[in-house]
Amino acid sequence: MLRRFHVCSICFRFITSYDKANGEATYMEQFLTSVTSDLDPDLVVFSGLHLLEGQHESLWQEKFSTLIKGLKQLPSRTPVHLELASMVQPHFIQELVNKVRFFY
């Protein structure tokens, strides 16, 4: 039996969560400490940075600075993947892009 599949050109989904720790990137410092001192990773993936968008700008700036400081401690041979989901505030997006862009 031949099955027919429909492929949607756009993904429509709405995910909601009340995850205060991830929304505030609470464990970022601990993660960066582990990755930069205890491990020699082949790849580092940062996920959930988009959750900071719902926080105050002072927290974004603090976390972006922490992120950049941690990235600078990684060996230059270590690839870094920033996984970003839906973001709507242009100012937030611009701040994140500017911080990360000038790191490289």
C-alpha atoms as a PDB file:
ATOM      1  CA  MET A   1       0.000   0.000   0.000  1.00  0.00           C
ATOM      2  CA  LEU A   2       1.445   3.347  -1.042  1.00  0.00           C
ATOM      3  CA  ARG A   3       1.138   6.054   1.582  1.00  0.00           C
ATOM      4  CA  ARG A   4       0.797   9.689   0.698  1.00  0.00           C
ATOM      5  CA  PHE A   5       2.536  12.232   2.860  1.00  0.00           C
ATOM      6  CA  HIS A   6       1.890  15.914   3.051  1.00  0.00           C
ATOM      7  CA  VAL A   7       4.916  18.110   3.569  1.00  0.00           C
ATOM      8  CA  CYS A   8       4.249  21.503   5.054  1.00  0.00           C
ATOM      9  CA  SER A   9       6.583  24.249   3.854  1.00  0.00           C
ATOM     10  CA  ILE A  10       6.249  26.033   7.185  1.00  0.00           C
ATOM     11  CA  CYS A  11       6.289  24.459  10.605  1.00  0.00           C
ATOM     12  CA  PHE A  12       3.392  25.609  12.753  1.00  0.00           C
ATOM     13  CA  ARG A  13       3.716  24.866  16.414  1.00  0.00           C
ATOM     14  CA  PHE A  14       3.270  26.590  19.709  1.00  0.00           C
ATOM     15  CA  ILE A  15       5.246  25.391  22.683  1.00  0.00           C
ATOM     16  CA  THR A  16       4.588  26.762  26.122  1.00  0.00           C
ATOM     17  CA  SER A  17       6.464  26.120  29.300  1.00  0.00           C
ATOM     18  CA  TYR A  18       6.967  27.593  32.714  1.00  0.00           C
ATOM     19  CA  ASP A  19      10.579  26.720  33.240  1.00  0.00           C
ATOM     20  CA  LYS A  20      12.037  29.509  35.322  1.00  0.00           C
ATOM     21  CA  ALA A  21      15.569  28.056  35.564  1.00  0.00           C
ATOM     22  CA  ASN A  22      15.996  27.693  31.789  1.00  0.00           C
ATOM     23  CA  GLY A  23      14.212  30.977  31.112  1.00  0.00           C
ATOM     24  CA  GLU A  24      16.818  32.752  33.215  1.00  0.00           C
ATOM     25  CA  ALA A  25      19.742  30.600  32.015  1.00  0.00           C
ATOM     26  CA  THR A  26      20.401  29.813  35.671  1.00  0.00           C
ATOM     27  CA  TYR A  27      22.888  27.020  35.045  1.00  0.00           C
ATOM     28  CA  MET A  28      24.868  28.657  32.244  1.00  0.00           C
ATOM     29  CA  GLU A  29      27.818  29.476  34.493  1.00  0.00           C
ATOM     30  CA  GLN A  30      28.029  25.906  35.827  1.00  0.00           C
ATOM     31  CA  PHE A  31      27.805  24.487  32.321  1.00  0.00           C
ATOM     32  CA  LEU A  32      30.537  26.783  31.025  1.00  0.00           C
ATOM     33  CA  THR A  33      32.780  25.972  33.988  1.00  0.00           C
ATOM     34  CA  SER A  34      32.412  22.244  33.322  1.00  0.00           C
ATOM     35  CA  VAL A  35      32.945  22.550  29.601  1.00  0.00           C
ATOM     36  CA  THR A  36      35.968  24.826  29.847  1.00  0.00           C
ATOM     37  CA  SER A  37      37.778  23.211  32.772  1.00  0.00           C
ATOM     38  CA  ASP A  38      36.735  19.586  33.189  1.00  0.00           C
ATOM     39  CA  LEU A  39      36.087  18.461  29.624  1.00  0.00           C
ATOM     40  CA  ASP A  40      37.638  18.636  26.186  1.00  0.00           C
ATOM     41  CA  PRO A  41      34.453  18.645  24.084  1.00  0.00           C
ATOM     42  CA  ASP A  42      34.266  17.881  20.379  1.00  0.00           C
ATOM     43  CA  LEU A  43      31.297  20.248  20.069  1.00  0.00           C
ATOM     44  CA  VAL A  44      29.439  22.645  22.362  1.00  0.00           C
ATOM     45  CA  VAL A  45      25.719  23.272  21.813  1.00  0.00           C
ATOM     46  CA  PHE A  46      23.891  26.169  23.455  1.00  0.00           C
ATOM     47  CA  SER A  47      20.151  25.811  23.383  1.00  0.00           C
ATOM     48  CA  GLY A  48      17.479  27.959  24.961  1.00  0.00           C
ATOM     49  CA  LEU A  49      19.094  31.374  24.637  1.00  0.00           C
ATOM     50  CA  HIS A  50      15.856  32.552  23.010  1.00  0.00           C
ATOM     51  CA  LEU A  51      14.159  32.039  26.400  1.00  0.00           C
ATOM     52  CA  LEU A  52      16.056  35.039  27.743  1.00  0.00           C
ATOM     53  CA  GLU A  53      13.928  37.233  25.494  1.00  0.00           C
ATOM     54  CA  GLY A  54      11.156  37.166  28.102  1.00  0.00           C
ATOM     55  CA  GLN A  55      13.479  38.496  30.811  1.00  0.00           C
ATOM     56  CA  HIS A  56      14.660  42.009  31.633  1.00  0.00           C
ATOM     57  CA  GLU A  57      17.344  43.436  29.361  1.00  0.00           C
ATOM     58  CA  SER A  58      19.808  43.634  32.246  1.00  0.00           C
ATOM     59  CA  LEU A  59      19.610  39.836  32.571  1.00  0.00           C
ATOM     60  CA  TRP A  60      20.149  39.375  28.810  1.00  0.00           C
ATOM     61  CA  GLN A  61      23.246  41.538  28.924  1.00  0.00           C
ATOM     62  CA  GLU A  62      24.593  39.658  31.940  1.00  0.00           C
ATOM     63  CA  LYS A  63      24.009  36.263  30.302  1.00  0.00           C
ATOM     64  CA  PHE A  64      25.379  37.364  26.928  1.00  0.00           C
ATOM     65  CA  SER A  65      28.553  38.544  28.681  1.00  0.00           C
ATOM     66  CA  THR A  66      28.799  35.239  30.549  1.00  0.00           C
ATOM     67  CA  LEU A  67      28.339  33.358  27.286  1.00  0.00           C
ATOM     68  CA  ILE A  68      31.070  35.302  25.479  1.00  0.00           C
ATOM     69  CA  LYS A  69      33.465  34.946  28.407  1.00  0.00           C
ATOM     70  CA  GLY A  70      32.874  31.183  28.366  1.00  0.00           C
ATOM     71  CA  LEU A  71      33.252  30.919  24.599  1.00  0.00           C
ATOM     72  CA  LYS A  72      36.615  32.672  24.806  1.00  0.00           C
ATOM     73  CA  GLN A  73      37.823  29.961  27.192  1.00  0.00           C
ATOM     74  CA  LEU A  74      37.042  27.159  24.745  1.00  0.00           C
ATOM     75  CA  PRO A  75      39.813  25.935  22.458  1.00  0.00           C
ATOM     76  CA  SER A  76      39.487  27.628  19.067  1.00  0.00           C
ATOM     77  CA  ARG A  77      39.197  24.183  17.436  1.00  0.00           C
ATOM     78  CA  THR A  78      35.940  23.467  19.319  1.00  0.00           C
ATOM     79  CA  PRO A  79      32.878  24.124  17.156  1.00  0.00           C
ATOM     80  CA  VAL A  80      29.994  25.942  18.830  1.00  0.00           C
ATOM     81  CA  HIS A  81      26.363  25.637  17.765  1.00  0.00           C
ATOM     82  CA  LEU A  82      23.859  28.234  18.955  1.00  0.00           C
ATOM     83  CA  GLU A  83      20.382  26.811  18.681  1.00  0.00           C
ATOM     84  CA  LEU A  84      17.830  29.592  18.549  1.00  0.00           C
ATOM     85  CA  ALA A  85      14.088  29.204  18.378  1.00  0.00           C
ATOM     86  CA  SER A  86      11.408  31.756  17.651  1.00  0.00           C
ATOM     87  CA  MET A  87      12.256  35.288  18.723  1.00  0.00           C
ATOM     88  CA  VAL A  88      10.147  38.380  18.145  1.00  0.00           C
ATOM     89  CA  GLN A  89      11.902  41.347  19.760  1.00  0.00           C
ATOM     90  CA  PRO A  90      14.226  42.977  17.209  1.00  0.00           C
ATOM     91  CA  HIS A  91      16.287  44.627  19.955  1.00  0.00           C
ATOM     92  CA  PHE A  92      16.920  41.267  21.672  1.00  0.00           C
ATOM     93  CA  ILE A  93      17.900  39.604  18.392  1.00  0.00           C
ATOM     94  CA  GLN A  94      20.227  42.471  17.455  1.00  0.00           C
ATOM     95  CA  GLU A  95      21.930  42.418  20.855  1.00  0.00           C
ATOM     96  CA  LEU A  96      22.506  38.670  20.684  1.00  0.00           C
ATOM     97  CA  VAL A  97      23.794  38.795  17.110  1.00  0.00           C
ATOM     98  CA  ASN A  98      26.112  41.708  17.877  1.00  0.00           C
ATOM     99  CA  LYS A  99      27.616  39.997  20.925  1.00  0.00           C
ATOM    100  CA  VAL A 100      28.181  36.681  19.175  1.00  0.00           C
ATOM    101  CA  ARG A 101      29.258  38.148  15.832  1.00  0.00           C
ATOM    102  CA  PHE A 102      32.095  40.159  17.341  1.00  0.00           C
ATOM    103  CA  PHE A 103      33.288  37.153  19.297  1.00  0.00           C
ATOM    104  CA  TYR A 104      34.245  35.407  16.067  1.00  0.00           C
END
